[in-house]
C-alpha atoms as a PDB file:
ATOM      1  CA  UNK A   1       0.000   0.000   0.000  1.00  0.00           C
ATOM      2  CA  UNK A   2       2.759   2.415   0.996  1.00  0.00           C
ATOM      3  CA  UNK A   3       4.650   1.508  -2.166  1.00  0.00           C
ATOM      4  CA  UNK A   4       1.604   2.321  -4.306  1.00  0.00           C
ATOM      5  CA  UNK A   5       1.110   5.677  -2.556  1.00  0.00           C
ATOM      6  CA  UNK A   6       4.799   6.515  -3.016  1.00  0.00           C
ATOM      7  CA  UNK A   7       4.597   5.604  -6.723  1.00  0.00           C
ATOM      8  CA  UNK A   8       1.501   7.773  -7.169  1.00  0.00           C
ATOM      9  CA  UNK A   9       3.166  10.737  -5.461  1.00  0.00           C
ATOM     10  CA  UNK A  10       6.254  10.362  -7.668  1.00  0.00           C
ATOM     11  CA  UNK A  11       4.108  10.271 -10.802  1.00  0.00           C
ATOM     12  CA  UNK A  12       2.353  13.474  -9.750  1.00  0.00           C
ATOM     13  CA  UNK A  13       5.698  15.162  -9.071  1.00  0.00           C
ATOM     14  CA  UNK A  14       7.003  14.080 -12.476  1.00  0.00           C
ATOM     15  CA  UNK A  15       3.898  15.497 -14.164  1.00  0.00           C
ATOM     16  CA  UNK A  16       4.333  18.785 -12.278  1.00  0.00           C
ATOM     17  CA  UNK A  17       7.974  19.005 -13.377  1.00  0.00           C
ATOM     18  CA  UNK A  18       6.998  18.272 -16.996  1.00  0.00           C
ATOM     19  CA  UNK A  19       4.251  20.913 -16.825  1.00  0.00           C
ATOM     20  CA  UNK A  20       6.601  23.530 -15.385  1.00  0.00           C
ATOM     21  CA  UNK A  21       9.213  22.668 -18.015  1.00  0.00           C
ATOM     22  CA  UNK A  22       6.572  23.042 -20.710  1.00  0.00           C
ATOM     23  CA  UNK A  23       5.543  26.449 -19.403  1.00  0.00           C
ATOM     24  CA  UNK A  24       9.151  27.593 -19.258  1.00  0.00           C
ATOM     25  CA  UNK A  25       9.745  26.301 -22.761  1.00  0.00           C
ATOM     26  CA  UNK A  26       6.810  28.283 -24.120  1.00  0.00           C
ATOM     27  CA  UNK A  27       7.996  31.351 -22.218  1.00  0.00           C
ATOM     28  CA  UNK A  28      11.417  31.108 -23.828  1.00  0.00           C
ATOM     29  CA  UNK A  29       9.969  30.469 -27.242  1.00  0.00           C
ATOM     30  CA  UNK A  30       7.403  33.254 -27.270  1.00  0.00           C
ATOM     31  CA  UNK A  31       9.687  36.103 -26.331  1.00  0.00           C
ATOM     32  CA  UNK A  32      12.566  38.171 -27.605  1.00  0.00           C
ATOM     33  CA  UNK A  33      14.230  40.058 -24.800  1.00  0.00           C
ATOM     34  CA  UNK A  34      16.789  42.780 -25.355  1.00  0.00           C
ATOM     35  CA  UNK A  35      19.886  42.672 -23.172  1.00  0.00           C
ATOM     36  CA  UNK A  36      22.969  44.924 -23.457  1.00  0.00           C
ATOM     37  CA  UNK A  37      24.900  44.122 -26.623  1.00  0.00           C
ATOM     38  CA  UNK A  38      28.398  42.708 -26.299  1.00  0.00           C
ATOM     39  CA  UNK A  39      30.333  43.923 -29.376  1.00  0.00           C
ATOM     40  CA  UNK A  40      32.882  41.117 -28.947  1.00  0.00           C
ATOM     41  CA  UNK A  41      30.186  38.553 -29.855  1.00  0.00           C
ATOM     42  CA  UNK A  42      29.659  38.483 -33.604  1.00  0.00           C
ATOM     43  CA  UNK A  43      27.782  36.607 -36.288  1.00  0.00           C
ATOM     44  CA  UNK A  44      29.885  34.615 -38.738  1.00  0.00           C
ATOM     45  CA  UNK A  45      27.004  34.813 -41.229  1.00  0.00           C
ATOM     46  CA  UNK A  46      23.385  35.983 -41.508  1.00  0.00           C
ATOM     47  CA  UNK A  47      21.345  35.311 -44.636  1.00  0.00           C
ATOM     48  CA  UNK A  48      17.872  35.884 -45.995  1.00  0.00           C
ATOM     49  CA  UNK A  49      17.375  34.649 -49.562  1.00  0.00           C
ATOM     50  CA  UNK A  50      14.457  34.653 -52.007  1.00  0.00           C
ATOM     51  CA  UNK A  51      14.717  32.419 -55.081  1.00  0.00           C
ATOM     52  CA  UNK A  52      12.215  31.850 -57.886  1.00  0.00           C
ATOM     53  CA  UNK A  53      11.783  28.094 -58.358  1.00  0.00           C
ATOM     54  CA  UNK A  54       9.403  28.027 -61.315  1.00  0.00           C
ATOM     55  CA  UNK A  55       5.772  27.259 -62.021  1.00  0.00           C
ATOM     56  CA  UNK A  56       3.552  25.834 -59.298  1.00  0.00           C
ATOM     57  CA  UNK A  57       0.911  23.117 -59.381  1.00  0.00           C
ATOM     58  CA  UNK A  58      -1.797  25.461 -60.565  1.00  0.00           C
ATOM     59  CA  UNK A  59      -1.672  27.073 -63.990  1.00  0.00           C
ATOM     60  CA  UNK A  60      -1.395  30.650 -62.723  1.00  0.00           C
ATOM     61  CA  UNK A  61       0.871  29.963 -59.724  1.00  0.00           C
ATOM     62  CA  UNK A  62       4.618  29.984 -59.209  1.00  0.00           C
ATOM     63  CA  UNK A  63       6.897  29.022 -56.334  1.00  0.00           C
ATOM     64  CA  UNK A  64       9.438  31.133 -54.452  1.00  0.00           C
ATOM     65  CA  UNK A  65      11.886  29.610 -51.979  1.00  0.00           C
ATOM     66  CA  UNK A  66      12.378  31.677 -48.817  1.00  0.00           C
ATOM     67  CA  UNK A  67      15.423  30.697 -46.768  1.00  0.00           C
ATOM     68  CA  UNK A  68      16.882  32.083 -43.527  1.00  0.00           C
ATOM     69  CA  UNK A  69      20.108  31.051 -41.845  1.00  0.00           C
ATOM     70  CA  UNK A  70      22.616  32.414 -39.347  1.00  0.00           C
ATOM     71  CA  UNK A  71      25.732  31.375 -37.491  1.00  0.00           C
ATOM     72  CA  UNK A  72      27.130  32.933 -34.321  1.00  0.00           C
ATOM     73  CA  UNK A  73      30.810  32.792 -33.412  1.00  0.00           C
ATOM     74  CA  UNK A  74      29.929  30.687 -30.330  1.00  0.00           C
ATOM     75  CA  UNK A  75      27.081  28.702 -28.817  1.00  0.00           C
ATOM     76  CA  UNK A  76      24.406  30.834 -27.176  1.00  0.00           C
ATOM     77  CA  UNK A  77      21.979  30.102 -24.386  1.00  0.00           C
ATOM     78  CA  UNK A  78      19.205  31.011 -26.832  1.00  0.00           C
ATOM     79  CA  UNK A  79      19.320  31.584 -30.602  1.00  0.00           C
ATOM     80  CA  UNK A  80      16.320  33.032 -32.443  1.00  0.00           C
ATOM     81  CA  UNK A  81      15.675  34.034 -36.047  1.00  0.00           C
ATOM     82  CA  UNK A  82      12.406  35.836 -36.813  1.00  0.00           C
ATOM     83  CA  UNK A  83      11.471  36.550 -40.429  1.00  0.00           C
ATOM     84  CA  UNK A  84       8.644  38.417 -42.136  1.00  0.00           C
ATOM     85  CA  UNK A  85       7.766  38.147 -45.837  1.00  0.00           C
ATOM     86  CA  UNK A  86       5.803  40.848 -47.622  1.00  0.00           C
ATOM     87  CA  UNK A  87       4.355  40.641 -51.128  1.00  0.00           C
ATOM     88  CA  UNK A  88       3.373  43.983 -52.643  1.00  0.00           C
ATOM     89  CA  UNK A  89       3.362  45.498 -49.165  1.00  0.00           C
ATOM     90  CA  UNK A  90       1.252  42.843 -47.420  1.00  0.00           C
ATOM     91  CA  UNK A  91       2.408  40.165 -44.982  1.00  0.00           C
ATOM     92  CA  UNK A  92       2.317  36.762 -46.676  1.00  0.00           C
ATOM     93  CA  UNK A  93       4.665  34.679 -44.571  1.00  0.00           C
ATOM     94  CA  UNK A  94       6.337  34.268 -41.178  1.00  0.00           C
ATOM     95  CA  UNK A  95       9.326  32.180 -40.165  1.00  0.00           C
ATOM     96  CA  UNK A  96      10.419  31.784 -36.565  1.00  0.00           C
ATOM     97  CA  UNK A  97      12.898  29.335 -35.105  1.00  0.00           C
ATOM     98  CA  UNK A  98      14.612  29.099 -31.724  1.00  0.00           C
ATOM     99  CA  UNK A  99      17.085  26.708 -30.176  1.00  0.00           C
ATOM    100  CA  UNK A 100      19.021  26.610 -26.948  1.00  0.00           C
ATOM    101  CA  UNK A 101      22.754  25.951 -26.625  1.00  0.00           C
ATOM    102  CA  UNK A 102      23.538  26.276 -30.317  1.00  0.00           C
ATOM    103  CA  UNK A 103      25.336  28.654 -32.661  1.00  0.00           C
ATOM    104  CA  UNK A 104      23.465  28.012 -35.934  1.00  0.00           C
ATOM    105  CA  UNK A 105      19.895  28.174 -37.198  1.00  0.00           C
ATOM    106  CA  UNK A 106      18.465  27.366 -40.612  1.00  0.00           C
ATOM    107  CA  UNK A 107      14.905  27.321 -41.976  1.00  0.00           C
ATOM    108  CA  UNK A 108      13.168  27.575 -45.342  1.00  0.00           C
ATOM    109  CA  UNK A 109       9.769  27.206 -46.982  1.00  0.00           C
ATOM    110  CA  UNK A 110       8.226  27.417 -50.441  1.00  0.00           C
ATOM    111  CA  UNK A 111       5.792  30.282 -50.969  1.00  0.00           C
ATOM    112  CA  UNK A 112       3.112  30.247 -53.646  1.00  0.00           C
ATOM    113  CA  UNK A 113       2.931  33.430 -55.695  1.00  0.00           C
ATOM    114  CA  UNK A 114       0.595  34.779 -58.338  1.00  0.00           C
ATOM    115  CA  UNK A 115       0.867  37.664 -60.810  1.00  0.00           C
ATOM    116  CA  UNK A 116       3.836  40.030 -61.086  1.00  0.00           C
ATOM    117  CA  UNK A 117       4.901  40.966 -57.565  1.00  0.00           C
ATOM    118  CA  UNK A 118       7.559  42.390 -55.274  1.00  0.00           C
ATOM    119  CA  UNK A 119       8.706  39.987 -52.561  1.00  0.00           C
ATOM    120  CA  UNK A 120      10.457  41.574 -49.554  1.00  0.00           C
ATOM    121  CA  UNK A 121      11.839  39.516 -46.675  1.00  0.00           C
ATOM    122  CA  UNK A 122      13.373  40.917 -43.485  1.00  0.00           C
ATOM    123  CA  UNK A 123      14.915  38.877 -40.653  1.00  0.00           C
ATOM    124  CA  UNK A 124      15.965  39.727 -37.116  1.00  0.00           C
ATOM    125  CA  UNK A 125      18.705  37.402 -35.882  1.00  0.00           C
ATOM    126  CA  UNK A 126      18.965  37.394 -32.094  1.00  0.00           C
ATOM    127  CA  UNK A 127      21.165  35.634 -29.549  1.00  0.00           C
ATOM    128  CA  UNK A 128      20.976  35.605 -25.769  1.00  0.00           C
ATOM    129  CA  UNK A 129      24.319  34.856 -24.146  1.00  0.00           C
ATOM    130  CA  UNK A 130      24.681  34.010 -20.451  1.00  0.00           C
ATOM    131  CA  UNK A 131      28.051  34.859 -18.944  1.00  0.00           C
ATOM    132  CA  UNK A 132      29.615  34.198 -15.576  1.00  0.00           C
ATOM    133  CA  UNK A 133      28.192  35.956 -12.502  1.00  0.00           C
ATOM    134  CA  UNK A 134      24.676  35.816 -14.022  1.00  0.00           C
ATOM    135  CA  UNK A 135      25.470  38.480 -16.630  1.00  0.00           C
ATOM    136  CA  UNK A 136      23.293  38.316 -19.764  1.00  0.00           C
ATOM    137  CA  UNK A 137      24.159  39.949 -23.093  1.00  0.00           C
ATOM    138  CA  UNK A 138      22.689  40.067 -26.587  1.00  0.00           C
ATOM    139  CA  UNK A 139      24.008  39.806 -30.098  1.00  0.00           C
ATOM    140  CA  UNK A 140      21.780  40.846 -32.997  1.00  0.00           C
ATOM    141  CA  UNK A 141      21.904  41.354 -36.740  1.00  0.00           C
ATOM    142  CA  UNK A 142      19.500  42.070 -39.586  1.00  0.00           C
ATOM    143  CA  UNK A 143      19.396  40.464 -43.018  1.00  0.00           C
ATOM    144  CA  UNK A 144      17.051  41.010 -45.945  1.00  0.00           C
ATOM    145  CA  UNK A 145      16.345  40.230 -49.575  1.00  0.00           C
ATOM    146  CA  UNK A 146      13.903  41.364 -52.207  1.00  0.00           C
ATOM    147  CA  UNK A 147      12.852  39.878 -55.520  1.00  0.00           C
ATOM    148  CA  UNK A 148      10.717  41.117 -58.378  1.00  0.00           C
ATOM    149  CA  UNK A 149       8.856  38.244 -60.028  1.00  0.00           C
ATOM    150  CA  UNK A 150       7.412  38.950 -63.473  1.00  0.00           C
ATOM    151  CA  UNK A 151       4.553  36.650 -64.415  1.00  0.00           C
ATOM    152  CA  UNK A 152       3.133  37.868 -67.705  1.00  0.00           C
ATOM    153  CA  UNK A 153       1.316  36.076 -70.518  1.00  0.00           C
ATOM    154  CA  UNK A 154       3.508  38.015 -72.949  1.00  0.00           C
ATOM    155  CA  UNK A 155       6.890  36.752 -71.683  1.00  0.00           C
ATOM    156  CA  UNK A 156       8.461  33.821 -69.801  1.00  0.00           C
ATOM    157  CA  UNK A 157       8.304  33.698 -66.001  1.00  0.00           C
ATOM    158  CA  UNK A 158      11.401  35.418 -64.598  1.00  0.00           C
ATOM    159  CA  UNK A 159      12.774  37.274 -61.583  1.00  0.00           C
ATOM    160  CA  UNK A 160      15.328  39.976 -60.785  1.00  0.00           C
ATOM    161  CA  UNK A 161      16.653  41.945 -57.855  1.00  0.00           C
ATOM    162  CA  UNK A 162      18.164  44.796 -59.846  1.00  0.00           C
ATOM    163  CA  UNK A 163      16.436  45.635 -63.141  1.00  0.00           C
ATOM    164  CA  UNK A 164      18.416  45.305 -66.366  1.00  0.00           C
ATOM    165  CA  UNK A 165      17.072  46.883 -69.526  1.00  0.00           C
ATOM    166  CA  UNK A 166      14.055  49.022 -70.280  1.00  0.00           C
ATOM    167  CA  UNK A 167      11.414  46.330 -69.808  1.00  0.00           C
ATOM    168  CA  UNK A 168      12.565  45.350 -66.299  1.00  0.00           C
ATOM    169  CA  UNK A 169      12.846  49.018 -65.324  1.00  0.00           C
ATOM    170  CA  UNK A 170       9.246  49.536 -66.412  1.00  0.00           C
ATOM    171  CA  UNK A 171       8.054  46.496 -64.471  1.00  0.00           C
ATOM    172  CA  UNK A 172       9.905  47.687 -61.345  1.00  0.00           C
ATOM    173  CA  UNK A 173       8.400  51.160 -61.643  1.00  0.00           C
ATOM    174  CA  UNK A 174       4.875  49.774 -62.087  1.00  0.00           C
ATOM    175  CA  UNK A 175       5.089  47.384 -59.126  1.00  0.00           C
ATOM    176  CA  UNK A 176       6.830  49.955 -56.879  1.00  0.00           C
ATOM    177  CA  UNK A 177       4.229  52.628 -57.622  1.00  0.00           C
ATOM    178  CA  UNK A 178       1.325  50.256 -56.960  1.00  0.00           C
ATOM    179  CA  UNK A 179       2.847  49.057 -53.677  1.00  0.00           C
ATOM    180  CA  UNK A 180       3.783  52.576 -52.549  1.00  0.00           C
ATOM    181  CA  UNK A 181       0.283  53.969 -53.161  1.00  0.00           C
ATOM    182  CA  UNK A 182      -1.359  51.166 -51.196  1.00  0.00           C
ATOM    183  CA  UNK A 183       1.052  51.540 -48.277  1.00  0.00           C
ATOM    184  CA  UNK A 184       0.775  55.329 -48.180  1.00  0.00           C
ATOM    185  CA  UNK A 185      -3.000  54.975 -48.004  1.00  0.00           C
ATOM    186  CA  UNK A 186      -2.745  52.468 -45.123  1.00  0.00           C
ATOM    187  CA  UNK A 187      -0.217  54.550 -43.197  1.00  0.00           C
ATOM    188  CA  UNK A 188      -2.150  57.801 -43.707  1.00  0.00           C
ATOM    189  CA  UNK A 189      -5.296  56.116 -42.420  1.00  0.00           C
ATOM    190  CA  UNK A 190      -3.481  54.965 -39.281  1.00  0.00           C
ATOM    191  CA  UNK A 191      -1.809  58.324 -38.634  1.00  0.00           C
ATOM    192  CA  UNK A 192      -5.119  60.133 -39.073  1.00  0.00           C
ATOM    193  CA  UNK A 193      -6.858  57.716 -36.711  1.00  0.00           C
ATOM    194  CA  UNK A 194      -4.259  58.381 -34.002  1.00  0.00           C
ATOM    195  CA  UNK A 195      -3.760  62.110 -34.757  1.00  0.00           C
ATOM    196  CA  UNK A 196      -0.068  61.705 -35.629  1.00  0.00           C
ATOM    197  CA  UNK A 197       1.695  64.678 -37.181  1.00  0.00           C
ATOM    198  CA  UNK A 198       4.243  63.156 -39.543  1.00  0.00           C
ATOM    199  CA  UNK A 199       6.345  66.339 -39.425  1.00  0.00           C
ATOM    200  CA  UNK A 200       7.245  65.477 -35.818  1.00  0.00           C
ATOM    201  CA  UNK A 201       8.930  62.237 -36.911  1.00  0.00           C
ATOM    202  CA  UNK A 202      11.454  60.725 -39.250  1.00  0.00           C
ATOM    203  CA  UNK A 203      10.114  57.537 -40.759  1.00  0.00           C
ATOM    204  CA  UNK A 204      10.967  54.395 -42.702  1.00  0.00           C
ATOM    205  CA  UNK A 205       9.150  51.140 -43.578  1.00  0.00           C
ATOM    206  CA  UNK A 206      10.122  48.044 -41.607  1.00  0.00           C
ATOM    207  CA  UNK A 207      11.310  46.490 -44.885  1.00  0.00           C
ATOM    208  CA  UNK A 208      14.063  49.142 -45.075  1.00  0.00           C
ATOM    209  CA  UNK A 209      15.380  48.677 -41.533  1.00  0.00           C
ATOM    210  CA  UNK A 210      18.308  46.645 -42.929  1.00  0.00           C
ATOM    211  CA  UNK A 211      20.261  49.829 -43.594  1.00  0.00           C
ATOM    212  CA  UNK A 212      20.738  50.338 -39.855  1.00  0.00           C
ATOM    213  CA  UNK A 213      23.096  47.391 -39.815  1.00  0.00           C
ATOM    214  CA  UNK A 214      25.645  49.799 -41.279  1.00  0.00           C
ATOM    215  CA  UNK A 215      24.531  53.253 -40.161  1.00  0.00           C
ATOM    216  CA  UNK A 216      22.928  54.769 -37.041  1.00  0.00           C
ATOM    217  CA  UNK A 217      19.456  56.191 -36.811  1.00  0.00           C
ATOM    218  CA  UNK A 218      19.553  59.960 -37.455  1.00  0.00           C
ATOM    219  CA  UNK A 219      20.682  61.739 -34.292  1.00  0.00           C
ATOM    220  CA  UNK A 220      21.599  58.556 -32.424  1.00  0.00           C
ATOM    221  CA  UNK A 221      24.862  56.746 -31.763  1.00  0.00           C
ATOM    222  CA  UNK A 222      25.507  53.278 -33.182  1.00  0.00           C
ATOM    223  CA  UNK A 223      25.155  51.802 -29.679  1.00  0.00           C
ATOM    224  CA  UNK A 224      21.799  53.501 -29.054  1.00  0.00           C
ATOM    225  CA  UNK A 225      20.585  52.544 -32.535  1.00  0.00           C
ATOM    226  CA  UNK A 226      21.162  48.866 -31.815  1.00  0.00           C
ATOM    227  CA  UNK A 227      19.363  49.172 -28.489  1.00  0.00           C
ATOM    228  CA  UNK A 228      16.393  50.879 -30.151  1.00  0.00           C
ATOM    229  CA  UNK A 229      16.228  48.229 -32.882  1.00  0.00           C
ATOM    230  CA  UNK A 230      16.487  45.407 -30.337  1.00  0.00           C
ATOM    231  CA  UNK A 231      13.634  46.851 -28.276  1.00  0.00           C
ATOM    232  CA  UNK A 232      11.644  47.492 -31.454  1.00  0.00           C
ATOM    233  CA  UNK A 233      11.838  43.856 -32.533  1.00  0.00           C
ATOM    234  CA  UNK A 234      10.949  42.738 -29.014  1.00  0.00           C
ATOM    235  CA  UNK A 235       7.705  44.676 -29.382  1.00  0.00           C
ATOM    236  CA  UNK A 236       7.048  43.616 -32.980  1.00  0.00           C
ATOM    237  CA  UNK A 237       7.508  39.971 -32.056  1.00  0.00           C
ATOM    238  CA  UNK A 238       5.109  40.105 -29.093  1.00  0.00           C
ATOM    239  CA  UNK A 239       2.465  42.391 -30.591  1.00  0.00           C
ATOM    240  CA  UNK A 240       2.632  41.696 -34.328  1.00  0.00           C
ATOM    241  CA  UNK A 241       4.461  38.463 -35.226  1.00  0.00           C
ATOM    242  CA  UNK A 242       2.596  36.349 -32.641  1.00  0.00           C
ATOM    243  CA  UNK A 243      -0.679  38.150 -33.356  1.00  0.00           C
ATOM    244  CA  UNK A 244      -2.036  41.679 -33.347  1.00  0.00           C
ATOM    245  CA  UNK A 245      -3.442  42.472 -29.915  1.00  0.00           C
ATOM    246  CA  UNK A 246      -6.589  44.585 -29.784  1.00  0.00           C
ATOM    247  CA  UNK A 247      -7.721  46.709 -26.864  1.00  0.00           C
ATOM    248  CA  UNK A 248     -10.216  44.046 -25.774  1.00  0.00           C
ATOM    249  CA  UNK A 249      -7.356  41.479 -25.672  1.00  0.00           C
ATOM    250  CA  UNK A 250      -8.583  39.579 -28.741  1.00  0.00           C
ATOM    251  CA  UNK A 251      -5.932  38.575 -31.263  1.00  0.00           C
ATOM    252  CA  UNK A 252      -5.958  39.241 -35.011  1.00  0.00           C
ATOM    253  CA  UNK A 253      -3.854  37.118 -37.342  1.00  0.00           C
ATOM    254  CA  UNK A 254      -1.195  39.446 -38.832  1.00  0.00           C
ATOM    255  CA  UNK A 255      -1.384  37.869 -42.297  1.00  0.00           C
ATOM    256  CA  UNK A 256      -2.305  40.368 -45.028  1.00  0.00           C
ATOM    257  CA  UNK A 257      -1.514  43.304 -42.732  1.00  0.00           C
ATOM    258  CA  UNK A 258       0.490  46.160 -44.237  1.00  0.00           C
ATOM    259  CA  UNK A 259       4.216  46.716 -43.845  1.00  0.00           C
ATOM    260  CA  UNK A 260       4.600  48.632 -40.554  1.00  0.00           C
ATOM    261  CA  UNK A 261       5.860  52.213 -40.788  1.00  0.00           C
ATOM    262  CA  UNK A 262       8.398  53.127 -38.098  1.00  0.00           C
ATOM    263  CA  UNK A 263       8.230  56.747 -36.906  1.00  0.00           C
ATOM    264  CA  UNK A 264      11.060  58.047 -34.717  1.00  0.00           C
ATOM    265  CA  UNK A 265      10.217  61.227 -32.800  1.00  0.00           C
ATOM    266  CA  UNK A 266      12.359  64.234 -33.652  1.00  0.00           C
ATOM    267  CA  UNK A 267      12.821  64.897 -29.926  1.00  0.00           C
ATOM    268  CA  UNK A 268      14.205  61.320 -29.536  1.00  0.00           C
ATOM    269  CA  UNK A 269      11.704  60.504 -26.783  1.00  0.00           C
ATOM    270  CA  UNK A 270       9.815  57.646 -28.439  1.00  0.00           C
ATOM    271  CA  UNK A 271       8.999  55.807 -31.617  1.00  0.00           C
ATOM    272  CA  UNK A 272       5.711  54.674 -33.110  1.00  0.00           C
ATOM    273  CA  UNK A 273       4.809  51.694 -35.277  1.00  0.00           C
ATOM    274  CA  UNK A 274       1.698  52.093 -37.444  1.00  0.00           C
ATOM    275  CA  UNK A 275       0.088  49.596 -39.787  1.00  0.00           C
ATOM    276  CA  UNK A 276      -3.239  48.370 -41.095  1.00  0.00           C
ATOM    277  CA  UNK A 277      -4.573  44.884 -40.300  1.00  0.00           C
ATOM    278  CA  UNK A 278      -6.236  42.669 -42.891  1.00  0.00           C
ATOM    279  CA  UNK A 279      -9.572  43.801 -41.435  1.00  0.00           C
ATOM    280  CA  UNK A 280      -8.802  47.391 -42.432  1.00  0.00           C
ATOM    281  CA  UNK A 281      -8.352  48.445 -38.796  1.00  0.00           C
ATOM    282  CA  UNK A 282      -5.435  50.825 -38.089  1.00  0.00           C
ATOM    283  CA  UNK A 283      -3.037  49.930 -35.273  1.00  0.00           C
ATOM    284  CA  UNK A 284      -0.443  51.812 -33.276  1.00  0.00           C
ATOM    285  CA  UNK A 285       2.431  50.533 -31.134  1.00  0.00           C
ATOM    286  CA  UNK A 286       4.439  52.958 -28.986  1.00  0.00           C
ATOM    287  CA  UNK A 287       7.918  52.506 -27.552  1.00  0.00           C
ATOM    288  CA  UNK A 288       9.743  54.852 -25.205  1.00  0.00           C
ATOM    289  CA  UNK A 289      13.376  55.514 -26.126  1.00  0.00           C
ATOM    290  CA  UNK A 290      15.995  55.449 -23.411  1.00  0.00           C
ATOM    291  CA  UNK A 291      19.696  55.866 -24.075  1.00  0.00           C
ATOM    292  CA  UNK A 292      22.506  54.515 -21.909  1.00  0.00           C
ATOM    293  CA  UNK A 293      25.308  56.719 -23.132  1.00  0.00           C
END
């Protein structure tokens, strides 16, 4: 009898441990947390690549391979790569992978496309490194790619990153203008809804954030820029990538939402993220800016 009771108690304890482990695992997975960046920790490689594969199963479809990979110069307590794919300014794909005690990550999927389109992929590569004396640091990097796919009944299926020749220049101009008009309409709607004066901010689309790998945000140091970007992606991951949170705590799937516009206040006090959900609802995220130096 005592043996049976002891066995039952042990089984309960094991289940509790498994449950706690599961909760902790989900907590690790569903978060990106910014810690001070250690410049001595570097990425050996970070890559985001879009490749046209050819025609799909359906007559009017084609396939694009979307691949993300990264390698850190050492094993990290937690490695995460978070990618967003936009087609003509609308979210059409998400990739997110995380592993503990590793230095490399790699993931890829095939995306079905239709009609002539601009594919834009942006990835945030993040590492959490635990040092001695309970010190925690971050390493982060951005990578991106874009691809124009031309699917016309008057010419063979093809793709390019940089246009060559008059015809490709015309296609690029047409697709860019269409995408820009749609995004400007979405962003204007959001800024009007939240009474945002664009003159008080400098702005850029999330798809262009890659340039801050090499240069600082206007008026900020390189160190502060990386902190701002790290905090920005922490918020985007929690409030956009995992689902768009409404005021009543319901969640909207982010698919088909517009590319977020990042607005950095001229007084350097905060930044805003505005976008339009697939429902047509405008959304605003706000982040306070604090500098350490």
